[in-house]
Amino acid sequence: MKLAIAGAAGRMGRVLTRIVNETPGAEVAGGLEPAGSPHLGADMGELAGIGRLDVAISADPLELFPRIDGLIDFTVPAATLALAELAAQARIVHVIGTTGIDEAGEARIRAAARHARIVKSGNMSLGVNLLASLVRKVAATLGEEYDIEIVEMHHKHKIDAPSGTALMLGEAAAKGRGIDLRTRAVRSRDGHTGARAAGDIGFATLRGGSVVGEHTVMFAGETERIELTHKASSREMFARGAVRAAQWAMDKPPGLYAMADVLGLE
């Protein structure tokens, strides 16, 4: 499978280059960076520290897309939305790990999925998706007397909050409870907030250092607290999950899929 990487010169892009290159049945076939990037024309293998691949980074998806089978995209919302529409026109697989996309952007991705095979997830790791499945089950089992709080920490360079993974876990908890996360999420508390409302799902965001990603979902009752935690020590797990998703989607019909579909969890 010929795969291209959006944001190829970034930290995640370089890890993806290495993982694609060492995955059986996958080939590094291109990379994208925005116009004006100092890395345009650079060899992807040399940037990733794995030796020359003779695959140069480009700023032109229209030239690249006819030559590839899929695109792996961990960039920013504006870039991802533009690439989703082009990927739909090219009928290629688009794996989206970008977070921070708003409701209007989600609607554009759903529209693109009518023509493209899109796998989108707030987190591509096996462990986090298993965690989400567990969170949904625990939330369905425990009643509102157990308050749900989600605590996440990431490195200081992360630009969106709460993290896509935290929101994914919140959605899992909300589905378990049969509620709408959009109306029951509490993303910040400051000043005189009053007592906690029963049934709300709270989020706390921490940023600092080089933390790859840590997430804890707490179910706090009157006499006990249950905590489900995932800690990421490397970006490799996200990259391996994304490549697995791309290969899985290769023979699927157009549609919007999640990592739970790839892993057979739903």
C-alpha atoms as a PDB file:
ATOM      1  CA  MET A   1       0.000   0.000   0.000  1.00  0.00           C
ATOM      2  CA  LYS A   2       1.498   3.322  -1.093  1.00  0.00           C
ATOM      3  CA  LEU A   3       1.107   5.744   1.819  1.00  0.00           C
ATOM      4  CA  ALA A   4       1.793   9.457   2.086  1.00  0.00           C
ATOM      5  CA  ILE A   5       2.175  11.405   5.310  1.00  0.00           C
ATOM      6  CA  ALA A   6       0.787  14.881   5.919  1.00  0.00           C
ATOM      7  CA  GLY A   7       2.987  16.964   8.183  1.00  0.00           C
ATOM      8  CA  ALA A   8       5.886  14.725   7.194  1.00  0.00           C
ATOM      9  CA  ALA A   9       8.588  16.919   8.758  1.00  0.00           C
ATOM     10  CA  GLY A  10       6.963  17.100  12.199  1.00  0.00           C
ATOM     11  CA  ARG A  11       7.698  14.854  15.168  1.00  0.00           C
ATOM     12  CA  MET A  12       4.782  12.562  14.416  1.00  0.00           C
ATOM     13  CA  GLY A  13       5.469  12.663  10.680  1.00  0.00           C
ATOM     14  CA  ARG A  14       8.996  11.413  11.169  1.00  0.00           C
ATOM     15  CA  VAL A  15       7.849   8.571  13.402  1.00  0.00           C
ATOM     16  CA  LEU A  16       5.207   7.652  10.817  1.00  0.00           C
ATOM     17  CA  THR A  17       7.818   7.597   8.059  1.00  0.00           C
ATOM     18  CA  ARG A  18       9.871   5.083  10.006  1.00  0.00           C
ATOM     19  CA  ILE A  19       6.895   2.894  10.941  1.00  0.00           C
ATOM     20  CA  VAL A  20       5.457   2.845   7.400  1.00  0.00           C
ATOM     21  CA  ASN A  21       8.882   1.968   6.029  1.00  0.00           C
ATOM     22  CA  GLU A  22       9.227  -1.046   8.330  1.00  0.00           C
ATOM     23  CA  THR A  23       5.635  -2.307   7.962  1.00  0.00           C
ATOM     24  CA  PRO A  24       5.180  -5.285   5.606  1.00  0.00           C
ATOM     25  CA  GLY A  25       2.872  -4.405   2.744  1.00  0.00           C
ATOM     26  CA  ALA A  26       3.337  -0.648   3.169  1.00  0.00           C
ATOM     27  CA  GLU A  27       5.546   1.835   1.311  1.00  0.00           C
ATOM     28  CA  VAL A  28       6.462   5.468   1.975  1.00  0.00           C
ATOM     29  CA  ALA A  29       5.246   7.098  -1.228  1.00  0.00           C
ATOM     30  CA  GLY A  30       5.152  10.795  -0.386  1.00  0.00           C
ATOM     31  CA  GLY A  31       4.977  13.517   2.199  1.00  0.00           C
ATOM     32  CA  LEU A  32       3.294  16.893   2.502  1.00  0.00           C
ATOM     33  CA  GLU A  33       4.283  20.131   4.196  1.00  0.00           C
ATOM     34  CA  PRO A  34       2.717  23.579   3.727  1.00  0.00           C
ATOM     35  CA  ALA A  35       4.068  25.990   1.123  1.00  0.00           C
ATOM     36  CA  GLY A  36       7.019  27.882   2.520  1.00  0.00           C
ATOM     37  CA  SER A  37       8.209  25.051   4.759  1.00  0.00           C
ATOM     38  CA  PRO A  38      12.014  24.815   4.937  1.00  0.00           C
ATOM     39  CA  HIS A  39      11.667  21.043   4.528  1.00  0.00           C
ATOM     40  CA  LEU A  40      10.166  21.077   1.024  1.00  0.00           C
ATOM     41  CA  GLY A  41      12.260  18.848  -1.215  1.00  0.00           C
ATOM     42  CA  ALA A  42      13.919  17.097   1.713  1.00  0.00           C
ATOM     43  CA  ASP A  43      14.216  13.321   1.611  1.00  0.00           C
ATOM     44  CA  MET A  44      11.725  11.742   4.024  1.00  0.00           C
ATOM     45  CA  GLY A  45      14.035   8.933   5.045  1.00  0.00           C
ATOM     46  CA  GLU A  46      16.883  11.276   5.893  1.00  0.00           C
ATOM     47  CA  LEU A  47      14.553  13.477   7.971  1.00  0.00           C
ATOM     48  CA  ALA A  48      13.310  10.411   9.845  1.00  0.00           C
ATOM     49  CA  GLY A  49      16.854   9.221  10.486  1.00  0.00           C
ATOM     50  CA  ILE A  50      16.497   5.936   8.600  1.00  0.00           C
ATOM     51  CA  GLY A  51      18.575   6.681   5.532  1.00  0.00           C
ATOM     52  CA  ARG A  52      17.672   7.975   2.106  1.00  0.00           C
ATOM     53  CA  LEU A  53      14.367   6.748   0.622  1.00  0.00           C
ATOM     54  CA  ASP A  54      14.412   8.922  -2.513  1.00  0.00           C
ATOM     55  CA  VAL A  55      10.974  10.259  -1.553  1.00  0.00           C
ATOM     56  CA  ALA A  56      10.823  14.042  -1.371  1.00  0.00           C
ATOM     57  CA  ILE A  57       8.454  16.218   0.670  1.00  0.00           C
ATOM     58  CA  SER A  58       6.040  18.253  -1.459  1.00  0.00           C
ATOM     59  CA  ALA A  59       3.487  21.015  -0.951  1.00  0.00           C
ATOM     60  CA  ASP A  60       1.212  19.829  -3.781  1.00  0.00           C
ATOM     61  CA  PRO A  61      -1.401  17.197  -2.852  1.00  0.00           C
ATOM     62  CA  LEU A  62      -2.942  17.364  -6.333  1.00  0.00           C
ATOM     63  CA  GLU A  63       0.295  16.068  -7.821  1.00  0.00           C
ATOM     64  CA  LEU A  64       0.751  13.460  -5.071  1.00  0.00           C
ATOM     65  CA  PHE A  65      -2.721  11.947  -4.655  1.00  0.00           C
ATOM     66  CA  PRO A  66      -2.973  10.176  -8.050  1.00  0.00           C
ATOM     67  CA  ARG A  67       0.150   8.185  -7.113  1.00  0.00           C
ATOM     68  CA  ILE A  68      -0.869   6.932  -3.653  1.00  0.00           C
ATOM     69  CA  ASP A  69      -3.400   4.614  -2.011  1.00  0.00           C
ATOM     70  CA  GLY A  70      -3.746   6.438   1.278  1.00  0.00           C
ATOM     71  CA  LEU A  71      -2.836   9.464   3.381  1.00  0.00           C
ATOM     72  CA  ILE A  72      -2.043   9.494   7.109  1.00  0.00           C
ATOM     73  CA  ASP A  73      -2.801  12.874   8.616  1.00  0.00           C
ATOM     74  CA  PHE A  74      -1.849  14.154  12.087  1.00  0.00           C
ATOM     75  CA  THR A  75      -1.821  17.881  11.327  1.00  0.00           C
ATOM     76  CA  VAL A  76      -4.162  20.771  12.189  1.00  0.00           C
ATOM     77  CA  PRO A  77      -7.908  21.135  11.504  1.00  0.00           C
ATOM     78  CA  ALA A  78      -7.677  23.562   8.579  1.00  0.00           C
ATOM     79  CA  ALA A  79      -5.172  21.382   6.723  1.00  0.00           C
ATOM     80  CA  THR A  80      -7.053  18.165   7.489  1.00  0.00           C
ATOM     81  CA  LEU A  81     -10.365  19.532   6.198  1.00  0.00           C
ATOM     82  CA  ALA A  82      -8.804  20.675   2.935  1.00  0.00           C
ATOM     83  CA  LEU A  83      -7.046  17.326   2.504  1.00  0.00           C
ATOM     84  CA  ALA A  84     -10.246  15.388   3.283  1.00  0.00           C
ATOM     85  CA  GLU A  85     -12.034  17.001   0.352  1.00  0.00           C
ATOM     86  CA  LEU A  86      -9.120  16.306  -1.995  1.00  0.00           C
ATOM     87  CA  ALA A  87      -8.805  12.727  -0.735  1.00  0.00           C
ATOM     88  CA  ALA A  88     -12.502  12.210  -1.428  1.00  0.00           C
ATOM     89  CA  GLN A  89     -12.024  13.399  -5.010  1.00  0.00           C
ATOM     90  CA  ALA A  90      -9.060  11.047  -5.412  1.00  0.00           C
ATOM     91  CA  ARG A  91     -10.992   8.148  -3.774  1.00  0.00           C
ATOM     92  CA  ILE A  92      -8.082   7.262  -1.499  1.00  0.00           C
ATOM     93  CA  VAL A  93      -7.936   6.158   2.141  1.00  0.00           C
ATOM     94  CA  HIS A  94      -7.601   9.048   4.597  1.00  0.00           C
ATOM     95  CA  VAL A  95      -6.544   8.237   8.161  1.00  0.00           C
ATOM     96  CA  ILE A  96      -7.175  11.235  10.428  1.00  0.00           C
ATOM     97  CA  GLY A  97      -5.519  11.597  13.814  1.00  0.00           C
ATOM     98  CA  THR A  98      -5.952  15.384  13.890  1.00  0.00           C
ATOM     99  CA  THR A  99      -7.791  16.694  16.957  1.00  0.00           C
ATOM    100  CA  GLY A 100      -9.558  19.972  17.730  1.00  0.00           C
ATOM    101  CA  ILE A 101     -11.948  19.818  14.750  1.00  0.00           C
ATOM    102  CA  ASP A 102     -15.197  21.730  15.421  1.00  0.00           C
ATOM    103  CA  GLU A 103     -18.745  20.653  14.566  1.00  0.00           C
ATOM    104  CA  ALA A 104     -18.715  22.367  11.179  1.00  0.00           C
ATOM    105  CA  GLY A 105     -15.473  20.599  10.350  1.00  0.00           C
ATOM    106  CA  GLU A 106     -16.882  17.246  11.436  1.00  0.00           C
ATOM    107  CA  ALA A 107     -19.762  17.797   9.024  1.00  0.00           C
ATOM    108  CA  ARG A 108     -17.279  18.382   6.185  1.00  0.00           C
ATOM    109  CA  ILE A 109     -15.495  15.142   7.045  1.00  0.00           C
ATOM    110  CA  ARG A 110     -18.780  13.215   7.034  1.00  0.00           C
ATOM    111  CA  ALA A 111     -19.507  14.670   3.594  1.00  0.00           C
ATOM    112  CA  ALA A 112     -16.068  13.622   2.320  1.00  0.00           C
ATOM    113  CA  ALA A 113     -16.651  10.110   3.664  1.00  0.00           C
ATOM    114  CA  ARG A 114     -19.407   9.612   1.116  1.00  0.00           C
ATOM    115  CA  HIS A 115     -16.626   9.160  -1.448  1.00  0.00           C
ATOM    116  CA  ALA A 116     -13.498   8.319   0.568  1.00  0.00           C
ATOM    117  CA  ARG A 117     -12.618   5.671   3.120  1.00  0.00           C
ATOM    118  CA  ILE A 118     -11.901   7.757   6.207  1.00  0.00           C
ATOM    119  CA  VAL A 119     -10.704   6.350   9.510  1.00  0.00           C
ATOM    120  CA  LYS A 120     -10.858   9.062  12.169  1.00  0.00           C
ATOM    121  CA  SER A 121     -10.030   8.721  15.840  1.00  0.00           C
ATOM    122  CA  GLY A 122      -8.958  10.906  18.731  1.00  0.00           C
ATOM    123  CA  ASN A 123      -6.407   8.196  19.447  1.00  0.00           C
ATOM    124  CA  MET A 124      -5.064   5.419  17.241  1.00  0.00           C
ATOM    125  CA  SER A 125      -3.632   3.156  19.951  1.00  0.00           C
ATOM    126  CA  LEU A 126      -5.016  -0.275  20.801  1.00  0.00           C
ATOM    127  CA  GLY A 127      -4.777   0.451  24.531  1.00  0.00           C
ATOM    128  CA  VAL A 128      -6.777   3.681  24.418  1.00  0.00           C
ATOM    129  CA  ASN A 129      -9.511   2.141  22.294  1.00  0.00           C
ATOM    130  CA  LEU A 130      -9.763  -0.771  24.714  1.00  0.00           C
ATOM    131  CA  LEU A 131      -9.933   1.794  27.516  1.00  0.00           C
ATOM    132  CA  ALA A 132     -12.800   3.596  25.770  1.00  0.00           C
ATOM    133  CA  SER A 133     -14.688   0.314  25.493  1.00  0.00           C
ATOM    134  CA  LEU A 134     -14.184  -0.302  29.214  1.00  0.00           C
ATOM    135  CA  VAL A 135     -15.242   3.256  30.093  1.00  0.00           C
ATOM    136  CA  ARG A 136     -18.479   2.836  28.176  1.00  0.00           C
ATOM    137  CA  LYS A 137     -19.244  -0.422  29.985  1.00  0.00           C
ATOM    138  CA  VAL A 138     -18.400   0.932  33.444  1.00  0.00           C
ATOM    139  CA  ALA A 139     -20.451   4.091  32.833  1.00  0.00           C
ATOM    140  CA  ALA A 140     -23.426   1.959  31.792  1.00  0.00           C
ATOM    141  CA  THR A 141     -23.052  -0.224  34.883  1.00  0.00           C
ATOM    142  CA  LEU A 142     -22.631   2.511  37.501  1.00  0.00           C
ATOM    143  CA  GLY A 143     -25.409   5.007  38.139  1.00  0.00           C
ATOM    144  CA  GLU A 144     -25.258   8.785  38.500  1.00  0.00           C
ATOM    145  CA  GLU A 145     -24.193   8.409  42.121  1.00  0.00           C
ATOM    146  CA  TYR A 146     -20.736   7.862  40.590  1.00  0.00           C
ATOM    147  CA  ASP A 147     -19.400  11.164  39.264  1.00  0.00           C
ATOM    148  CA  ILE A 148     -17.275  10.951  36.102  1.00  0.00           C
ATOM    149  CA  GLU A 149     -14.124  13.060  35.843  1.00  0.00           C
ATOM    150  CA  ILE A 150     -11.504  12.821  33.069  1.00  0.00           C
ATOM    151  CA  VAL A 151      -7.960  14.058  33.722  1.00  0.00           C
ATOM    152  CA  GLU A 152      -5.440  14.349  30.882  1.00  0.00           C
ATOM    153  CA  MET A 153      -1.844  15.553  30.590  1.00  0.00           C
ATOM    154  CA  HIS A 154       0.236  16.233  27.485  1.00  0.00           C
ATOM    155  CA  HIS A 155       3.467  17.944  26.502  1.00  0.00           C
ATOM    156  CA  LYS A 156       3.674  21.725  26.573  1.00  0.00           C
ATOM    157  CA  HIS A 157       3.513  22.045  22.764  1.00  0.00           C
ATOM    158  CA  LYS A 158       0.004  20.602  22.383  1.00  0.00           C
ATOM    159  CA  ILE A 159      -2.333  23.287  21.034  1.00  0.00           C
ATOM    160  CA  ASP A 160      -5.850  21.942  21.732  1.00  0.00           C
ATOM    161  CA  ALA A 161      -7.633  21.122  24.984  1.00  0.00           C
ATOM    162  CA  PRO A 162      -9.181  18.910  26.145  1.00  0.00           C
ATOM    163  CA  SER A 163      -7.260  16.376  24.103  1.00  0.00           C
ATOM    164  CA  GLY A 164      -8.988  14.400  21.391  1.00  0.00           C
ATOM    165  CA  THR A 165      -8.451  11.287  23.484  1.00  0.00           C
ATOM    166  CA  ALA A 166     -10.078  12.875  26.543  1.00  0.00           C
ATOM    167  CA  LEU A 167     -13.098  13.850  24.437  1.00  0.00           C
ATOM    168  CA  MET A 168     -13.212  10.345  22.961  1.00  0.00           C
ATOM    169  CA  LEU A 169     -13.287   8.893  26.480  1.00  0.00           C
ATOM    170  CA  GLY A 170     -15.954  11.415  27.428  1.00  0.00           C
ATOM    171  CA  GLU A 171     -18.070  10.317  24.468  1.00  0.00           C
ATOM    172  CA  ALA A 172     -17.649   6.691  25.549  1.00  0.00           C
ATOM    173  CA  ALA A 173     -18.812   7.553  29.066  1.00  0.00           C
ATOM    174  CA  ALA A 174     -21.740   9.569  27.708  1.00  0.00           C
ATOM    175  CA  LYS A 175     -22.834   6.705  25.460  1.00  0.00           C
ATOM    176  CA  GLY A 176     -22.682   4.366  28.423  1.00  0.00           C
ATOM    177  CA  ARG A 177     -24.915   6.723  30.385  1.00  0.00           C
ATOM    178  CA  GLY A 178     -27.201   7.449  27.439  1.00  0.00           C
ATOM    179  CA  ILE A 179     -26.601  11.208  27.581  1.00  0.00           C
ATOM    180  CA  ASP A 180     -25.358  13.903  25.176  1.00  0.00           C
ATOM    181  CA  LEU A 181     -21.795  14.914  26.026  1.00  0.00           C
ATOM    182  CA  ARG A 182     -22.268  18.306  24.376  1.00  0.00           C
ATOM    183  CA  THR A 183     -24.802  19.320  27.016  1.00  0.00           C
ATOM    184  CA  ARG A 184     -23.244  17.544  30.012  1.00  0.00           C
ATOM    185  CA  ALA A 185     -19.512  18.267  29.645  1.00  0.00           C
ATOM    186  CA  VAL A 186     -17.856  20.618  32.133  1.00  0.00           C
ATOM    187  CA  ARG A 187     -14.522  21.707  30.691  1.00  0.00           C
ATOM    188  CA  SER A 188     -13.421  24.278  33.259  1.00  0.00           C
ATOM    189  CA  ARG A 189     -14.114  25.331  36.812  1.00  0.00           C
ATOM    190  CA  ASP A 190     -13.069  28.669  38.247  1.00  0.00           C
ATOM    191  CA  GLY A 191     -14.386  30.822  41.037  1.00  0.00           C
ATOM    192  CA  HIS A 192     -17.667  30.180  42.830  1.00  0.00           C
ATOM    193  CA  THR A 193     -19.063  27.361  40.683  1.00  0.00           C
ATOM    194  CA  GLY A 194     -21.630  25.912  43.057  1.00  0.00           C
ATOM    195  CA  ALA A 195     -22.051  22.214  43.746  1.00  0.00           C
ATOM    196  CA  ARG A 196     -21.292  19.650  41.073  1.00  0.00           C
ATOM    197  CA  ALA A 197     -24.399  18.711  39.071  1.00  0.00           C
ATOM    198  CA  ALA A 198     -25.248  15.005  39.070  1.00  0.00           C
ATOM    199  CA  GLY A 199     -24.613  13.380  35.697  1.00  0.00           C
ATOM    200  CA  ASP A 200     -22.088  15.902  34.414  1.00  0.00           C
ATOM    201  CA  ILE A 201     -18.803  14.684  32.916  1.00  0.00           C
ATOM    202  CA  GLY A 202     -15.879  16.824  34.010  1.00  0.00           C
ATOM    203  CA  PHE A 203     -12.572  17.443  32.221  1.00  0.00           C
ATOM    204  CA  ALA A 204      -9.268  18.614  33.696  1.00  0.00           C
ATOM    205  CA  THR A 205      -6.358  19.535  31.421  1.00  0.00           C
ATOM    206  CA  LEU A 206      -2.669  19.555  32.367  1.00  0.00           C
ATOM    207  CA  ARG A 207       0.206  20.646  30.110  1.00  0.00           C
ATOM    208  CA  GLY A 208       3.932  20.439  30.678  1.00  0.00           C
ATOM    209  CA  GLY A 209       7.279  18.976  29.758  1.00  0.00           C
ATOM    210  CA  SER A 210       7.457  16.197  27.184  1.00  0.00           C
ATOM    211  CA  VAL A 211       4.539  13.998  28.299  1.00  0.00           C
ATOM    212  CA  VAL A 212       3.314  11.992  25.292  1.00  0.00           C
ATOM    213  CA  GLY A 213      -0.134  11.457  26.784  1.00  0.00           C
ATOM    214  CA  GLU A 214      -1.732  10.357  30.055  1.00  0.00           C
ATOM    215  CA  HIS A 215      -5.465   9.887  30.607  1.00  0.00           C
ATOM    216  CA  THR A 216      -7.450   8.838  33.666  1.00  0.00           C
ATOM    217  CA  VAL A 217     -11.206   8.368  33.861  1.00  0.00           C
ATOM    218  CA  MET A 218     -12.472   8.521  37.443  1.00  0.00           C
ATOM    219  CA  PHE A 219     -15.792   7.159  38.666  1.00  0.00           C
ATOM    220  CA  ALA A 220     -16.103   8.799  42.089  1.00  0.00           C
ATOM    221  CA  GLY A 221     -18.743   7.409  44.454  1.00  0.00           C
ATOM    222  CA  GLU A 222     -19.515   8.278  48.053  1.00  0.00           C
ATOM    223  CA  THR A 223     -17.463   5.409  49.497  1.00  0.00           C
ATOM    224  CA  GLU A 224     -15.155   4.340  46.662  1.00  0.00           C
ATOM    225  CA  ARG A 225     -13.439   5.562  43.512  1.00  0.00           C
ATOM    226  CA  ILE A 226     -12.702   3.549  40.385  1.00  0.00           C
ATOM    227  CA  GLU A 227      -9.939   4.822  38.095  1.00  0.00           C
ATOM    228  CA  LEU A 228      -9.101   3.637  34.589  1.00  0.00           C
ATOM    229  CA  THR A 229      -5.757   4.947  33.316  1.00  0.00           C
ATOM    230  CA  HIS A 230      -3.692   4.840  30.142  1.00  0.00           C
ATOM    231  CA  LYS A 231      -0.143   6.224  29.849  1.00  0.00           C
ATOM    232  CA  ALA A 232       1.634   6.553  26.524  1.00  0.00           C
ATOM    233  CA  SER A 233       5.433   6.393  26.539  1.00  0.00           C
ATOM    234  CA  SER A 234       6.040   6.777  22.784  1.00  0.00           C
ATOM    235  CA  ARG A 235       4.365   8.127  19.650  1.00  0.00           C
ATOM    236  CA  GLU A 236       5.097   4.801  17.997  1.00  0.00           C
ATOM    237  CA  MET A 237       1.829   3.275  19.200  1.00  0.00           C
ATOM    238  CA  PHE A 238      -0.165   6.025  17.467  1.00  0.00           C
ATOM    239  CA  ALA A 239       1.833   5.539  14.267  1.00  0.00           C
ATOM    240  CA  ARG A 240       1.432   1.755  14.267  1.00  0.00           C
ATOM    241  CA  GLY A 241      -2.300   2.119  14.843  1.00  0.00           C
ATOM    242  CA  ALA A 242      -2.619   4.610  11.988  1.00  0.00           C
ATOM    243  CA  VAL A 243      -0.789   2.334   9.535  1.00  0.00           C
ATOM    244  CA  ARG A 244      -2.930  -0.586  10.647  1.00  0.00           C
ATOM    245  CA  ALA A 245      -6.036   1.539  10.058  1.00  0.00           C
ATOM    246  CA  ALA A 246      -4.901   2.498   6.552  1.00  0.00           C
ATOM    247  CA  GLN A 247      -4.267  -1.105   5.567  1.00  0.00           C
ATOM    248  CA  TRP A 248      -7.583  -2.213   7.079  1.00  0.00           C
ATOM    249  CA  ALA A 249      -9.516   0.440   5.136  1.00  0.00           C
ATOM    250  CA  MET A 250      -7.903  -0.387   1.788  1.00  0.00           C
ATOM    251  CA  ASP A 251     -10.673  -2.763   0.681  1.00  0.00           C
ATOM    252  CA  LYS A 252     -13.585  -1.162   2.533  1.00  0.00           C
ATOM    253  CA  PRO A 253     -16.409   0.799   0.898  1.00  0.00           C
ATOM    254  CA  PRO A 254     -16.507   4.596   1.297  1.00  0.00           C
ATOM    255  CA  GLY A 255     -17.527   5.641   4.777  1.00  0.00           C
ATOM    256  CA  LEU A 256     -16.451   7.162   8.078  1.00  0.00           C
ATOM    257  CA  TYR A 257     -14.840   4.586  10.352  1.00  0.00           C
ATOM    258  CA  ALA A 258     -13.294   4.648  13.820  1.00  0.00           C
ATOM    259  CA  MET A 259     -10.439   2.694  15.368  1.00  0.00           C
ATOM    260  CA  ALA A 260     -13.059   0.627  17.169  1.00  0.00           C
ATOM    261  CA  ASP A 261     -14.100  -0.645  13.723  1.00  0.00           C
ATOM    262  CA  VAL A 262     -10.488  -1.406  12.789  1.00  0.00           C
ATOM    263  CA  LEU A 263      -9.925  -3.308  16.029  1.00  0.00           C
ATOM    264  CA  GLY A 264     -13.267  -5.099  15.968  1.00  0.00           C
ATOM    265  CA  LEU A 265     -14.390  -3.542  19.254  1.00  0.00           C
ATOM    266  CA  GLU A 266     -17.820  -2.496  17.940  1.00  0.00           C
END
